[in-house]
Amino acid sequence: MKKYLIPLILILLLTIIFISYCATYTSQYPPAHSDTYVKATSYYAGDVHYPYFATDPALSVIGSWVYNSWLTANTVVTNQRFHIDLGSSKIIKRIYYENAHTTGSQSNAGVQNFTFWGSNTAGSFAELTYGTDTGWTELTIAQNTFDRHIAANQADPKYIVVTNTTAYRYYALKCADNYGSGTLLGFRRIELQTEDVEVEANAIFFGANF
């Protein structure tokens, strides 16, 4: 039996298990796409651009922005709050967005500079005054600007990583300005995402990957 023991030991010693972590993300939506769960300081009612249109994944991110995006009231292009109630506390780790455009044009209405905040206070969620941050915690994000949408009628998905270890029910984007439009400010899509960690095991045996 000893002649079989040595090869077995060698196999065990030369087999190395490498564990790698591959991050994936899951979009978290409000319980309903309505003004109960998604609010903004202002919105453009003339062509119907309610805040909750921007959180609804069923709506198109190409073509006309009418009924498909959040835009501010006419000529209101600075200092807007956009609030999302996720219904329960979640640790948001990434933002997915499609900035404003309509069939590839008027992308200068897209939000440019912004900050990102979390809260577990219902009263803070309901308060839409731009300069009032009571009950909110500012979160660190990889960049404090949204990229301008490409000048084409196509999807232009972008992502911003959030440094966050606290579960919040309410999240706020404080949108300071746009890319130069004097008429409107907004975006086509905003989705807040949690992080899932998947484990992959790679066995290396005699230099071979299994």
Protein backbone atom coordinates (compact mmCIF):
# COMPACT_ATOMS: atom_id res chain seq x y z
CA MET A 1 0.00 0.00 0.00
CA LYS A 2 2.97 2.30 0.56
CA LYS A 3 3.59 2.66 -3.17
CA TYR A 4 0.20 4.34 -3.52
CA LEU A 5 0.71 6.59 -0.49
CA ILE A 6 3.58 8.66 -1.91
CA PRO A 7 1.78 9.69 -5.15
CA LEU A 8 -1.29 10.58 -3.10
CA ILE A 9 0.74 12.85 -0.83
CA LEU A 10 2.37 14.49 -3.85
CA ILE A 11 -1.04 15.13 -5.40
CA LEU A 12 -2.27 16.76 -2.22
CA LEU A 13 0.85 18.92 -1.87
CA LEU A 14 0.91 20.05 -5.50
CA THR A 15 -2.79 20.81 -5.72
CA ILE A 16 -3.39 24.46 -4.81
CA ILE A 17 -6.84 25.95 -4.48
CA PHE A 18 -7.10 29.62 -5.36
CA ILE A 19 -10.23 31.44 -4.26
CA SER A 20 -11.13 34.57 -6.23
CA TYR A 21 -14.00 36.92 -5.62
CA CYS A 22 -16.08 38.26 -8.48
CA ALA A 23 -18.37 41.15 -7.57
CA THR A 24 -21.78 41.32 -9.19
CA TYR A 25 -24.52 43.85 -8.53
CA THR A 26 -28.29 43.74 -8.16
CA SER A 27 -30.53 46.72 -8.82
CA GLN A 28 -32.81 47.67 -5.94
CA TYR A 29 -36.06 49.42 -6.81
CA PRO A 30 -38.63 51.35 -4.77
CA PRO A 31 -41.72 49.30 -3.83
CA ALA A 32 -43.63 51.17 -6.55
CA HIS A 33 -42.68 53.70 -9.19
CA SER A 34 -44.81 56.51 -7.83
CA ASP A 35 -44.50 59.87 -6.10
CA THR A 36 -44.88 58.05 -2.78
CA TYR A 37 -41.45 56.49 -3.15
CA VAL A 38 -39.61 58.78 -5.59
CA LYS A 39 -39.53 62.55 -5.12
CA ALA A 40 -37.68 65.55 -6.51
CA THR A 41 -37.52 69.25 -5.73
CA SER A 42 -39.28 69.97 -9.02
CA TYR A 43 -40.40 68.23 -12.20
CA TYR A 44 -41.59 69.28 -15.63
CA ALA A 45 -45.31 68.52 -15.83
CA GLY A 46 -45.95 69.94 -19.30
CA ASP A 47 -44.57 66.95 -21.21
CA VAL A 48 -44.82 64.66 -18.18
CA HIS A 49 -41.42 63.98 -16.66
CA TYR A 50 -42.24 62.70 -13.19
CA PRO A 51 -39.31 61.70 -10.92
CA TYR A 52 -40.43 58.07 -10.73
CA PHE A 53 -40.09 57.68 -14.50
CA ALA A 54 -36.32 57.67 -13.95
CA THR A 55 -36.42 54.64 -11.61
CA ASP A 56 -38.71 52.48 -13.76
CA PRO A 57 -36.72 49.81 -15.68
CA ALA A 58 -39.73 49.16 -17.93
CA LEU A 59 -39.30 52.56 -19.60
CA SER A 60 -37.04 53.15 -22.58
CA VAL A 61 -33.62 54.79 -22.33
CA ILE A 62 -33.67 55.65 -26.05
CA GLY A 63 -36.02 57.68 -28.21
CA SER A 64 -38.04 60.59 -26.89
CA TRP A 65 -37.58 61.51 -23.26
CA VAL A 66 -41.29 62.31 -22.88
CA TYR A 67 -42.82 59.83 -20.38
CA ASN A 68 -39.35 58.23 -20.09
CA SER A 69 -37.30 60.52 -17.84
CA TRP A 70 -37.18 62.94 -14.94
CA LEU A 71 -36.73 66.57 -15.90
CA THR A 72 -37.03 69.68 -13.76
CA ALA A 73 -39.55 72.46 -14.12
CA ASN A 74 -38.86 74.83 -17.02
CA THR A 75 -35.72 76.98 -16.52
CA VAL A 76 -34.95 75.33 -13.16
CA VAL A 77 -31.47 73.98 -13.84
CA THR A 78 -29.61 74.03 -10.51
CA ASN A 79 -29.87 72.75 -6.92
CA GLN A 80 -32.34 69.88 -7.17
CA ARG A 81 -32.85 67.01 -4.77
CA PHE A 82 -33.88 63.56 -6.03
CA HIS A 83 -35.00 61.12 -3.31
CA ILE A 84 -35.61 57.36 -3.49
CA ASP A 85 -37.34 55.24 -0.83
CA LEU A 86 -36.31 51.59 -1.24
CA GLY A 87 -38.94 50.40 1.21
CA SER A 88 -36.36 48.79 3.49
CA SER A 89 -32.74 49.40 4.43
CA LYS A 90 -30.13 48.26 1.90
CA ILE A 91 -26.38 48.77 1.55
CA ILE A 92 -26.02 50.50 -1.79
CA LYS A 93 -22.61 49.96 -3.40
CA ARG A 94 -23.07 51.22 -6.95
CA ILE A 95 -25.17 53.65 -9.02
CA TYR A 96 -26.23 52.81 -12.56
CA TYR A 97 -27.39 55.75 -14.66
CA GLU A 98 -28.31 56.92 -18.14
CA ASN A 99 -28.01 60.69 -18.34
CA ALA A 100 -30.60 62.91 -20.02
CA HIS A 101 -31.09 63.00 -23.78
CA THR A 102 -33.97 62.84 -26.25
CA THR A 103 -33.25 60.73 -29.34
CA GLY A 104 -29.57 61.54 -28.82
CA SER A 105 -29.93 65.32 -28.61
CA GLN A 106 -30.25 67.92 -25.80
CA SER A 107 -27.78 65.98 -23.67
CA ASN A 108 -26.68 69.30 -22.17
CA ALA A 109 -29.72 68.93 -19.88
CA GLY A 110 -28.04 65.97 -18.18
CA VAL A 111 -27.05 66.29 -14.53
CA GLN A 112 -23.35 67.10 -14.11
CA ASN A 113 -22.17 67.70 -10.50
CA PHE A 114 -23.90 65.88 -7.65
CA THR A 115 -23.48 64.36 -4.19
CA PHE A 116 -24.97 61.14 -2.81
CA TRP A 117 -26.59 60.70 0.62
CA GLY A 118 -28.22 58.04 2.80
CA SER A 119 -30.79 58.26 5.61
CA ASN A 120 -33.13 56.15 7.70
CA THR A 121 -35.37 59.09 8.66
CA ALA A 122 -38.74 59.44 6.93
CA GLY A 123 -38.85 63.16 7.65
CA SER A 124 -35.57 63.66 5.83
CA PHE A 125 -36.92 61.82 2.79
CA ALA A 126 -39.95 64.12 2.71
CA GLU A 127 -37.89 67.34 2.95
CA LEU A 128 -36.90 68.49 -0.54
CA THR A 129 -35.21 71.81 0.25
CA TYR A 130 -31.83 71.64 -1.45
CA GLY A 131 -29.79 73.10 1.40
CA THR A 132 -31.42 71.07 4.18
CA ASP A 133 -29.39 67.94 4.99
CA THR A 134 -30.84 67.12 8.42
CA GLY A 135 -30.84 63.36 8.99
CA TRP A 136 -28.69 62.63 5.94
CA THR A 137 -25.17 61.18 5.77
CA GLU A 138 -23.07 62.03 2.73
CA LEU A 139 -21.54 58.94 1.11
CA THR A 140 -18.21 58.68 -0.65
CA ILE A 141 -18.51 57.95 -4.37
CA ALA A 142 -15.93 57.24 -7.06
CA GLN A 143 -16.83 60.43 -8.91
CA ASN A 144 -19.10 63.37 -8.17
CA THR A 145 -20.12 63.96 -11.76
CA PHE A 146 -22.44 62.15 -14.12
CA ASP A 147 -20.94 61.75 -17.57
CA ARG A 148 -22.80 63.50 -20.37
CA HIS A 149 -24.84 61.13 -22.55
CA ILE A 150 -23.29 60.20 -25.87
CA ALA A 151 -24.62 62.27 -28.79
CA ALA A 152 -26.50 59.33 -30.28
CA ASN A 153 -29.89 57.69 -29.84
CA GLN A 154 -28.57 54.65 -28.02
CA ALA A 155 -28.14 53.32 -24.52
CA ASP A 156 -25.14 54.75 -22.69
CA PRO A 157 -24.95 52.89 -19.35
CA LYS A 158 -22.57 54.29 -16.75
CA TYR A 159 -21.71 53.17 -13.23
CA ILE A 160 -20.37 54.87 -10.12
CA VAL A 161 -19.04 52.83 -7.20
CA VAL A 162 -20.20 53.85 -3.71
CA THR A 163 -18.09 53.40 -0.58
CA ASN A 164 -20.72 52.37 1.94
CA THR A 165 -21.14 49.80 4.73
CA THR A 166 -24.40 51.09 6.22
CA ALA A 167 -27.88 50.01 5.19
CA TYR A 168 -30.15 52.97 4.44
CA ARG A 169 -33.77 52.98 3.38
CA TYR A 170 -33.68 56.44 1.84
CA TYR A 171 -31.14 57.75 -0.66
CA ALA A 172 -30.72 61.24 -2.07
CA LEU A 173 -28.92 62.69 -5.05
CA LYS A 174 -28.24 66.40 -4.73
CA CYS A 175 -27.95 67.61 -8.32
CA ALA A 176 -26.07 70.91 -8.48
CA ASP A 177 -26.11 71.70 -12.20
CA ASN A 178 -26.22 70.38 -15.77
CA TYR A 179 -24.09 70.51 -18.92
CA GLY A 180 -25.23 73.95 -20.03
CA SER A 181 -28.95 73.83 -20.80
CA GLY A 182 -30.77 76.92 -19.56
CA THR A 183 -34.10 75.13 -19.76
CA LEU A 184 -34.03 71.66 -18.16
CA LEU A 185 -32.04 69.32 -15.90
CA GLY A 186 -32.52 65.61 -15.32
CA PHE A 187 -31.66 62.04 -16.24
CA ARG A 188 -33.23 59.07 -18.02
CA ARG A 189 -32.45 56.32 -15.53
CA ILE A 190 -31.20 55.92 -11.97
CA GLU A 191 -30.83 52.51 -10.33
CA LEU A 192 -29.26 51.89 -6.92
CA GLN A 193 -27.41 48.59 -6.65
CA THR A 194 -26.31 46.25 -3.88
CA GLU A 195 -23.22 44.07 -4.22
CA ASP A 196 -23.24 40.29 -4.33
CA VAL A 197 -19.98 38.39 -3.93
CA GLU A 198 -19.63 35.13 -5.83
CA VAL A 199 -16.84 32.72 -5.00
CA GLU A 200 -14.97 30.91 -7.75
CA ALA A 201 -12.57 28.09 -6.95
CA ASN A 202 -9.75 27.35 -9.39
CA ALA A 203 -7.74 24.19 -8.80
CA ILE A 204 -4.18 24.28 -10.08
CA PHE A 205 -2.77 20.79 -10.48
CA PHE A 206 0.66 20.32 -12.02
CA GLY A 207 0.26 23.70 -13.75
CA ALA A 208 -3.16 22.86 -15.26
CA ASN A 209 -6.28 24.94 -14.60
CA PHE A 210 -9.38 22.87 -13.73
